Amino acid sequence: MTLKGVTGHKDILSTTAVDEHVTQLFLFDFEQSGIHLDTQKRSQVVYLNDLILYTGQQFASNSTQPSSVKREVVPANVRSL
């Protein structure tokens, strides 16, 4: 066990390597969420992340739906496939 915390200061309780790893994951996640940004920029990051998730879900759900394409649009060399 180590007494060195993630911030470089000593923790009150001893931490394990797993504790340190989980802490690093949380810090990374917070930074990806824009925790260090001002309110306006953080709101924009949250909005864009939500939009990315929504768009990905829409794509995934619609990718299994069949669609029709006019025969003449498909290149001749793959029409039989």
PDB file of N, CA and C in Angstrom:
ATOM      1  N   MET A   1       0.830  -1.185   0.000  1.00  0.00           N
ATOM      2  CA  MET A   1       0.000   0.000   0.000  1.00  0.00           C
ATOM      3  C   MET A   1       0.872   1.245   0.000  1.00  0.00           C
ATOM      4  N   THR A   2       0.331   2.285  -0.597  1.00  0.00           N
ATOM      5  CA  THR A   2       1.094   3.514  -0.703  1.00  0.00           C
ATOM      6  C   THR A   2       0.375   4.641   0.029  1.00  0.00           C
ATOM      7  N   LEU A   3       1.127   5.624   0.483  1.00  0.00           N
ATOM      8  CA  LEU A   3       0.533   6.795   1.116  1.00  0.00           C
ATOM      9  C   LEU A   3       0.506   7.981   0.173  1.00  0.00           C
ATOM     10  N   LYS A   4       1.131   7.836  -0.988  1.00  0.00           N
ATOM     11  CA  LYS A   4       1.135   8.931  -1.953  1.00  0.00           C
ATOM     12  C   LYS A   4      -0.190   8.940  -2.699  1.00  0.00           C
ATOM     13  N   GLY A   5      -0.929  10.004  -2.604  1.00  0.00           N
ATOM     14  CA  GLY A   5      -2.205  10.111  -3.298  1.00  0.00           C
ATOM     15  C   GLY A   5      -2.004  10.517  -4.744  1.00  0.00           C
ATOM     16  N   VAL A   6      -3.075  10.527  -5.479  1.00  0.00           N
ATOM     17  CA  VAL A   6      -3.035  10.878  -6.893  1.00  0.00           C
ATOM     18  C   VAL A   6      -2.554  12.308  -7.085  1.00  0.00           C
ATOM     19  N   THR A   7      -2.879  13.185  -6.171  1.00  0.00           N
ATOM     20  CA  THR A   7      -2.500  14.587  -6.299  1.00  0.00           C
ATOM     21  C   THR A   7      -1.066  14.845  -5.867  1.00  0.00           C
ATOM     22  N   GLY A   8      -0.389  13.824  -5.364  1.00  0.00           N
ATOM     23  CA  GLY A   8       0.975  14.012  -4.904  1.00  0.00           C
ATOM     24  C   GLY A   8       1.036  14.302  -3.412  1.00  0.00           C
ATOM     25  N   HIS A   9      -0.100  14.513  -2.786  1.00  0.00           N
ATOM     26  CA  HIS A   9      -0.162  14.732  -1.346  1.00  0.00           C
ATOM     27  C   HIS A   9      -0.455  13.398  -0.669  1.00  0.00           C
ATOM     28  N   LYS A  10      -0.191  13.342   0.598  1.00  0.00           N
ATOM     29  CA  LYS A  10      -0.469  12.096   1.307  1.00  0.00           C
ATOM     30  C   LYS A  10      -1.955  11.980   1.607  1.00  0.00           C
ATOM     31  N   ASP A  11      -2.482  10.775   1.410  1.00  0.00           N
ATOM     32  CA  ASP A  11      -3.871  10.488   1.743  1.00  0.00           C
ATOM     33  C   ASP A  11      -3.982  10.191   3.228  1.00  0.00           C
ATOM     34  N   ILE A  12      -5.180  10.333   3.739  1.00  0.00           N
ATOM     35  CA  ILE A  12      -5.425  10.021   5.152  1.00  0.00           C
ATOM     36  C   ILE A  12      -5.357   8.515   5.359  1.00  0.00           C
ATOM     37  N   LEU A  13      -5.911   7.769   4.407  1.00  0.00           N
ATOM     38  CA  LEU A  13      -5.885   6.314   4.480  1.00  0.00           C
ATOM     39  C   LEU A  13      -4.963   5.773   3.396  1.00  0.00           C
ATOM     40  N   SER A  14      -4.395   4.643   3.656  1.00  0.00           N
ATOM     41  CA  SER A  14      -3.536   3.995   2.662  1.00  0.00           C
ATOM     42  C   SER A  14      -4.369   3.592   1.459  1.00  0.00           C
ATOM     43  N   THR A  15      -3.761   3.657   0.294  1.00  0.00           N
ATOM     44  CA  THR A  15      -4.445   3.245  -0.925  1.00  0.00           C
ATOM     45  C   THR A  15      -3.664   2.127  -1.595  1.00  0.00           C
ATOM     46  N   THR A  16      -4.394   1.341  -2.365  1.00  0.00           N
ATOM     47  CA  THR A  16      -3.771   0.242  -3.105  1.00  0.00           C
ATOM     48  C   THR A  16      -3.556   0.687  -4.543  1.00  0.00           C
ATOM     49  N   ALA A  17      -2.900  -0.144  -5.304  1.00  0.00           N
ATOM     50  CA  ALA A  17      -2.705   0.137  -6.726  1.00  0.00           C
ATOM     51  C   ALA A  17      -4.049   0.214  -7.443  1.00  0.00           C
ATOM     52  N   VAL A  18      -4.992  -0.613  -7.015  1.00  0.00           N
ATOM     53  CA  VAL A  18      -6.341  -0.586  -7.608  1.00  0.00           C
ATOM     54  C   VAL A  18      -7.017   0.748  -7.300  1.00  0.00           C
ATOM     55  N   ASP A  19      -6.892   1.223  -6.066  1.00  0.00           N
ATOM     56  CA  ASP A  19      -7.453   2.526  -5.698  1.00  0.00           C
ATOM     57  C   ASP A  19      -6.885   3.631  -6.579  1.00  0.00           C
ATOM     58  N   GLU A  20      -5.581   3.601  -6.776  1.00  0.00           N
ATOM     59  CA  GLU A  20      -4.916   4.603  -7.599  1.00  0.00           C
ATOM     60  C   GLU A  20      -5.411   4.533  -9.049  1.00  0.00           C
ATOM     61  N   HIS A  21      -5.558   3.312  -9.564  1.00  0.00           N
ATOM     62  CA  HIS A  21      -6.018   3.125 -10.944  1.00  0.00           C
ATOM     63  C   HIS A  21      -7.442   3.655 -11.109  1.00  0.00           C
ATOM     64  N   VAL A  22      -8.322   3.317 -10.184  1.00  0.00           N
ATOM     65  CA  VAL A  22      -9.713   3.784 -10.255  1.00  0.00           C
ATOM     66  C   VAL A  22      -9.758   5.304 -10.147  1.00  0.00           C
ATOM     67  N   THR A  23      -8.938   5.870  -9.301  1.00  0.00           N
ATOM     68  CA  THR A  23      -8.882   7.327  -9.166  1.00  0.00           C
ATOM     69  C   THR A  23      -8.463   7.973 -10.474  1.00  0.00           C
ATOM     70  N   GLN A  24      -7.456   7.401 -11.117  1.00  0.00           N
ATOM     71  CA  GLN A  24      -7.010   7.931 -12.407  1.00  0.00           C
ATOM     72  C   GLN A  24      -8.123   7.840 -13.455  1.00  0.00           C
ATOM     73  N   LEU A  25      -8.883   6.750 -13.435  1.00  0.00           N
ATOM     74  CA  LEU A  25     -10.004   6.606 -14.365  1.00  0.00           C
ATOM     75  C   LEU A  25     -11.062   7.679 -14.120  1.00  0.00           C
ATOM     76  N   PHE A  26     -11.369   7.927 -12.856  1.00  0.00           N
ATOM     77  CA  PHE A  26     -12.339   8.978 -12.521  1.00  0.00           C
ATOM     78  C   PHE A  26     -11.845  10.352 -12.971  1.00  0.00           C
ATOM     79  N   LEU A  27     -10.575  10.644 -12.710  1.00  0.00           N
ATOM     80  CA  LEU A  27     -10.029  11.929 -13.129  1.00  0.00           C
ATOM     81  C   LEU A  27     -10.089  12.091 -14.642  1.00  0.00           C
ATOM     82  N   PHE A  28      -9.740  11.034 -15.365  1.00  0.00           N
ATOM     83  CA  PHE A  28      -9.806  11.079 -16.821  1.00  0.00           C
ATOM     84  C   PHE A  28     -11.237  11.336 -17.282  1.00  0.00           C
ATOM     85  N   ASP A  29     -12.193  10.636 -16.673  1.00  0.00           N
ATOM     86  CA  ASP A  29     -13.599  10.803 -17.033  1.00  0.00           C
ATOM     87  C   ASP A  29     -14.070  12.228 -16.751  1.00  0.00           C
ATOM     88  N   PHE A  30     -13.703  12.774 -15.614  1.00  0.00           N
ATOM     89  CA  PHE A  30     -14.079  14.150 -15.279  1.00  0.00           C
ATOM     90  C   PHE A  30     -13.487  15.136 -16.282  1.00  0.00           C
ATOM     91  N   GLU A  31     -12.242  14.925 -16.658  1.00  0.00           N
ATOM     92  CA  GLU A  31     -11.606  15.820 -17.624  1.00  0.00           C
ATOM     93  C   GLU A  31     -12.279  15.712 -18.991  1.00  0.00           C
ATOM     94  N   GLN A  32     -12.659  14.492 -19.380  1.00  0.00           N
ATOM     95  CA  GLN A  32     -13.362  14.316 -20.648  1.00  0.00           C
ATOM     96  C   GLN A  32     -14.730  14.997 -20.618  1.00  0.00           C
ATOM     97  N   SER A  33     -15.316  15.132 -19.445  1.00  0.00           N
ATOM     98  CA  SER A  33     -16.606  15.796 -19.291  1.00  0.00           C
ATOM     99  C   SER A  33     -16.462  17.309 -19.177  1.00  0.00           C
ATOM    100  N   GLY A  34     -15.235  17.802 -19.228  1.00  0.00           N
ATOM    101  CA  GLY A  34     -14.999  19.236 -19.201  1.00  0.00           C
ATOM    102  C   GLY A  34     -15.046  19.852 -17.813  1.00  0.00           C
ATOM    103  N   ILE A  35     -14.776  19.085 -16.784  1.00  0.00           N
ATOM    104  CA  ILE A  35     -14.866  19.571 -15.396  1.00  0.00           C
ATOM    105  C   ILE A  35     -13.958  20.780 -15.166  1.00  0.00           C
ATOM    106  N   HIS A  36     -12.876  20.877 -15.930  1.00  0.00           N
ATOM    107  CA  HIS A  36     -11.905  21.951 -15.748  1.00  0.00           C
ATOM    108  C   HIS A  36     -12.261  23.221 -16.540  1.00  0.00           C
ATOM    109  N   LEU A  37     -13.335  23.154 -17.337  1.00  0.00           N
ATOM    110  CA  LEU A  37     -13.716  24.282 -18.188  1.00  0.00           C
ATOM    111  C   LEU A  37     -14.693  25.218 -17.479  1.00  0.00           C
ATOM    112  N   ASP A  38     -14.829  26.427 -18.022  1.00  0.00           N
ATOM    113  CA  ASP A  38     -15.828  27.334 -17.461  1.00  0.00           C
ATOM    114  C   ASP A  38     -17.223  26.804 -17.813  1.00  0.00           C
ATOM    115  N   THR A  39     -18.234  27.359 -17.195  1.00  0.00           N
ATOM    116  CA  THR A  39     -19.609  26.851 -17.307  1.00  0.00           C
ATOM    117  C   THR A  39     -20.088  26.773 -18.751  1.00  0.00           C
ATOM    118  N   GLN A  40     -19.836  27.801 -19.541  1.00  0.00           N
ATOM    119  CA  GLN A  40     -20.318  27.819 -20.921  1.00  0.00           C
ATOM    120  C   GLN A  40     -19.651  26.720 -21.758  1.00  0.00           C
ATOM    121  N   LYS A  41     -18.351  26.607 -21.651  1.00  0.00           N
ATOM    122  CA  LYS A  41     -17.633  25.595 -22.423  1.00  0.00           C
ATOM    123  C   LYS A  41     -17.987  24.190 -21.943  1.00  0.00           C
ATOM    124  N   ARG A  42     -18.147  24.018 -20.633  1.00  0.00           N
ATOM    125  CA  ARG A  42     -18.520  22.712 -20.086  1.00  0.00           C
ATOM    126  C   ARG A  42     -19.904  22.305 -20.595  1.00  0.00           C
ATOM    127  N   SER A  43     -20.837  23.260 -20.643  1.00  0.00           N
ATOM    128  CA  SER A  43     -22.174  22.975 -21.169  1.00  0.00           C
ATOM    129  C   SER A  43     -22.100  22.550 -22.626  1.00  0.00           C
ATOM    130  N   GLN A  44     -21.226  23.193 -23.393  1.00  0.00           N
ATOM    131  CA  GLN A  44     -21.058  22.836 -24.793  1.00  0.00           C
ATOM    132  C   GLN A  44     -20.486  21.420 -24.924  1.00  0.00           C
ATOM    133  N   VAL A  45     -19.522  21.074 -24.093  1.00  0.00           N
ATOM    134  CA  VAL A  45     -18.941  19.728 -24.114  1.00  0.00           C
ATOM    135  C   VAL A  45     -20.006  18.689 -23.788  1.00  0.00           C
ATOM    136  N   VAL A  46     -20.802  18.956 -22.767  1.00  0.00           N
ATOM    137  CA  VAL A  46     -21.865  18.024 -22.382  1.00  0.00           C
ATOM    138  C   VAL A  46     -22.866  17.874 -23.518  1.00  0.00           C
ATOM    139  N   TYR A  47     -23.262  18.989 -24.143  1.00  0.00           N
ATOM    140  CA  TYR A  47     -24.200  18.952 -25.259  1.00  0.00           C
ATOM    141  C   TYR A  47     -23.638  18.131 -26.412  1.00  0.00           C
ATOM    142  N   LEU A  48     -22.377  18.375 -26.775  1.00  0.00           N
ATOM    143  CA  LEU A  48     -21.771  17.650 -27.887  1.00  0.00           C
ATOM    144  C   LEU A  48     -21.635  16.154 -27.592  1.00  0.00           C
ATOM    145  N   ASN A  49     -21.268  15.811 -26.363  1.00  0.00           N
ATOM    146  CA  ASN A  49     -21.186  14.396 -25.981  1.00  0.00           C
ATOM    147  C   ASN A  49     -22.554  13.728 -26.064  1.00  0.00           C
ATOM    148  N   ASP A  50     -23.594  14.423 -25.607  1.00  0.00           N
ATOM    149  CA  ASP A  50     -24.956  13.888 -25.698  1.00  0.00           C
ATOM    150  C   ASP A  50     -25.359  13.699 -27.157  1.00  0.00           C
ATOM    151  N   LEU A  51     -25.016  14.666 -28.003  1.00  0.00           N
ATOM    152  CA  LEU A  51     -25.338  14.590 -29.418  1.00  0.00           C
ATOM    153  C   LEU A  51     -24.621  13.406 -30.082  1.00  0.00           C
ATOM    154  N   ILE A  52     -23.367  13.211 -29.730  1.00  0.00           N
ATOM    155  CA  ILE A  52     -22.596  12.088 -30.265  1.00  0.00           C
ATOM    156  C   ILE A  52     -23.239  10.758 -29.856  1.00  0.00           C
ATOM    157  N   LEU A  53     -23.616  10.644 -28.583  1.00  0.00           N
ATOM    158  CA  LEU A  53     -24.258   9.412 -28.116  1.00  0.00           C
ATOM    159  C   LEU A  53     -25.588   9.182 -28.825  1.00  0.00           C
ATOM    160  N   TYR A  54     -26.401  10.219 -28.944  1.00  0.00           N
ATOM    161  CA  TYR A  54     -27.700  10.111 -29.595  1.00  0.00           C
ATOM    162  C   TYR A  54     -27.533   9.711 -31.064  1.00  0.00           C
ATOM    163  N   THR A  55     -26.616  10.370 -31.757  1.00  0.00           N
ATOM    164  CA  THR A  55     -26.395  10.076 -33.174  1.00  0.00           C
ATOM    165  C   THR A  55     -25.915   8.638 -33.357  1.00  0.00           C
ATOM    166  N   GLY A  56     -25.031   8.183 -32.505  1.00  0.00           N
ATOM    167  CA  GLY A  56     -24.555   6.804 -32.571  1.00  0.00           C
ATOM    168  C   GLY A  56     -25.663   5.797 -32.331  1.00  0.00           C
ATOM    169  N   GLN A  57     -26.538   6.097 -31.372  1.00  0.00           N
ATOM    170  CA  GLN A  57     -27.665   5.208 -31.100  1.00  0.00           C
ATOM    171  C   GLN A  57     -28.622   5.168 -32.283  1.00  0.00           C
ATOM    172  N   GLN A  58     -28.891   6.334 -32.873  1.00  0.00           N
ATOM    173  CA  GLN A  58     -29.770   6.394 -34.041  1.00  0.00           C
ATOM    174  C   GLN A  58     -29.182   5.591 -35.192  1.00  0.00           C
ATOM    175  N   PHE A  59     -27.895   5.759 -35.427  1.00  0.00           N
ATOM    176  CA  PHE A  59     -27.236   5.020 -36.504  1.00  0.00           C
ATOM    177  C   PHE A  59     -27.336   3.517 -36.261  1.00  0.00           C
ATOM    178  N   ALA A  60     -27.008   3.104 -35.036  1.00  0.00           N
ATOM    179  CA  ALA A  60     -27.023   1.674 -34.724  1.00  0.00           C
ATOM    180  C   ALA A  60     -28.424   1.087 -34.877  1.00  0.00           C
ATOM    181  N   SER A  61     -29.433   1.794 -34.423  1.00  0.00           N
ATOM    182  CA  SER A  61     -30.783   1.254 -34.512  1.00  0.00           C
ATOM    183  C   SER A  61     -31.295   1.238 -35.944  1.00  0.00           C
ATOM    184  N   ASN A  62     -30.862   2.186 -36.759  1.00  0.00           N
ATOM    185  CA  ASN A  62     -31.319   2.231 -38.148  1.00  0.00           C
ATOM    186  C   ASN A  62     -30.468   1.386 -39.088  1.00  0.00           C
ATOM    187  N   SER A  63     -29.295   0.980 -38.647  1.00  0.00           N
ATOM    188  CA  SER A  63     -28.407   0.210 -39.532  1.00  0.00           C
ATOM    189  C   SER A  63     -28.928  -1.197 -39.788  1.00  0.00           C
ATOM    190  N   THR A  64     -29.839  -1.668 -38.966  1.00  0.00           N
ATOM    191  CA  THR A  64     -30.385  -3.007 -39.161  1.00  0.00           C
ATOM    192  C   THR A  64     -31.654  -2.991 -40.012  1.00  0.00           C
ATOM    193  N   GLN A  65     -32.139  -1.809 -40.342  1.00  0.00           N
ATOM    194  CA  GLN A  65     -33.346  -1.691 -41.164  1.00  0.00           C
ATOM    195  C   GLN A  65     -32.981  -1.828 -42.640  1.00  0.00           C
ATOM    196  N   PRO A  66     -33.722  -2.680 -43.363  1.00  0.00           N
ATOM    197  CA  PRO A  66     -33.428  -2.800 -44.795  1.00  0.00           C
ATOM    198  C   PRO A  66     -33.821  -1.534 -45.546  1.00  0.00           C
ATOM    199  N   SER A  67     -33.137  -1.293 -46.629  1.00  0.00           N
ATOM    200  CA  SER A  67     -33.482  -0.148 -47.472  1.00  0.00           C
ATOM    201  C   SER A  67     -33.408  -0.584 -48.926  1.00  0.00           C
ATOM    202  N   SER A  68     -34.191   0.080 -49.744  1.00  0.00           N
ATOM    203  CA  SER A  68     -34.177  -0.279 -51.168  1.00  0.00           C
ATOM    204  C   SER A  68     -33.418   0.788 -51.941  1.00  0.00           C
ATOM    205  N   VAL A  69     -32.735   0.318 -52.973  1.00  0.00           N
ATOM    206  CA  VAL A  69     -31.947   1.191 -53.827  1.00  0.00           C
ATOM    207  C   VAL A  69     -32.294   0.821 -55.272  1.00  0.00           C
ATOM    208  N   LYS A  70     -32.478   1.820 -56.102  1.00  0.00           N
ATOM    209  CA  LYS A  70     -32.776   1.549 -57.510  1.00  0.00           C
ATOM    210  C   LYS A  70     -31.605   0.800 -58.130  1.00  0.00           C
ATOM    211  N   ARG A  71     -31.947  -0.181 -58.950  1.00  0.00           N
ATOM    212  CA  ARG A  71     -30.941  -1.046 -59.562  1.00  0.00           C
ATOM    213  C   ARG A  71     -29.889  -0.252 -60.320  1.00  0.00           C
ATOM    214  N   GLU A  72     -30.286   0.784 -61.025  1.00  0.00           N
ATOM    215  CA  GLU A  72     -29.334   1.541 -61.845  1.00  0.00           C
ATOM    216  C   GLU A  72     -28.339   2.365 -61.009  1.00  0.00           C
ATOM    217  N   VAL A  73     -28.611   2.534 -59.731  1.00  0.00           N
ATOM    218  CA  VAL A  73     -27.693   3.264 -58.854  1.00  0.00           C
ATOM    219  C   VAL A  73     -26.525   2.376 -58.417  1.00  0.00           C
ATOM    220  N   VAL A  74     -26.795   1.081 -58.356  1.00  0.00           N
ATOM    221  CA  VAL A  74     -25.770   0.126 -57.909  1.00  0.00           C
ATOM    222  C   VAL A  74     -24.805  -0.130 -59.083  1.00  0.00           C
ATOM    223  N   PRO A  75     -23.491  -0.107 -58.811  1.00  0.00           N
ATOM    224  CA  PRO A  75     -22.516  -0.384 -59.875  1.00  0.00           C
ATOM    225  C   PRO A  75     -22.787  -1.744 -60.521  1.00  0.00           C
ATOM    226  N   ALA A  76     -22.647  -1.803 -61.825  1.00  0.00           N
ATOM    227  CA  ALA A  76     -22.973  -3.009 -62.593  1.00  0.00           C
ATOM    228  C   ALA A  76     -22.215  -4.239 -62.113  1.00  0.00           C
ATOM    229  N   ASN A  77     -20.975  -4.055 -61.694  1.00  0.00           N
ATOM    230  CA  ASN A  77     -20.160  -5.225 -61.316  1.00  0.00           C
ATOM    231  C   ASN A  77     -20.587  -5.856 -59.983  1.00  0.00           C
ATOM    232  N   VAL A  78     -21.453  -5.226 -59.228  1.00  0.00           N
ATOM    233  CA  VAL A  78     -21.910  -5.805 -57.959  1.00  0.00           C
ATOM    234  C   VAL A  78     -23.419  -6.023 -57.924  1.00  0.00           C
ATOM    235  N   ARG A  79     -24.118  -5.761 -58.989  1.00  0.00           N
ATOM    236  CA  ARG A  79     -25.580  -5.917 -59.016  1.00  0.00           C
ATOM    237  C   ARG A  79     -26.018  -7.347 -58.744  1.00  0.00           C
ATOM    238  N   SER A  80     -25.247  -8.299 -59.173  1.00  0.00           N
ATOM    239  CA  SER A  80     -25.644  -9.698 -58.977  1.00  0.00           C
ATOM    240  C   SER A  80     -25.380 -10.183 -57.555  1.00  0.00           C
ATOM    241  N   LEU A  81     -24.634  -9.418 -56.782  1.00  0.00           N
ATOM    242  CA  LEU A  81     -24.305  -9.827 -55.417  1.00  0.00           C
ATOM    243  C   LEU A  81     -25.400  -9.383 -54.493  1.00  0.00           C
TER     244      LEU A  81
END
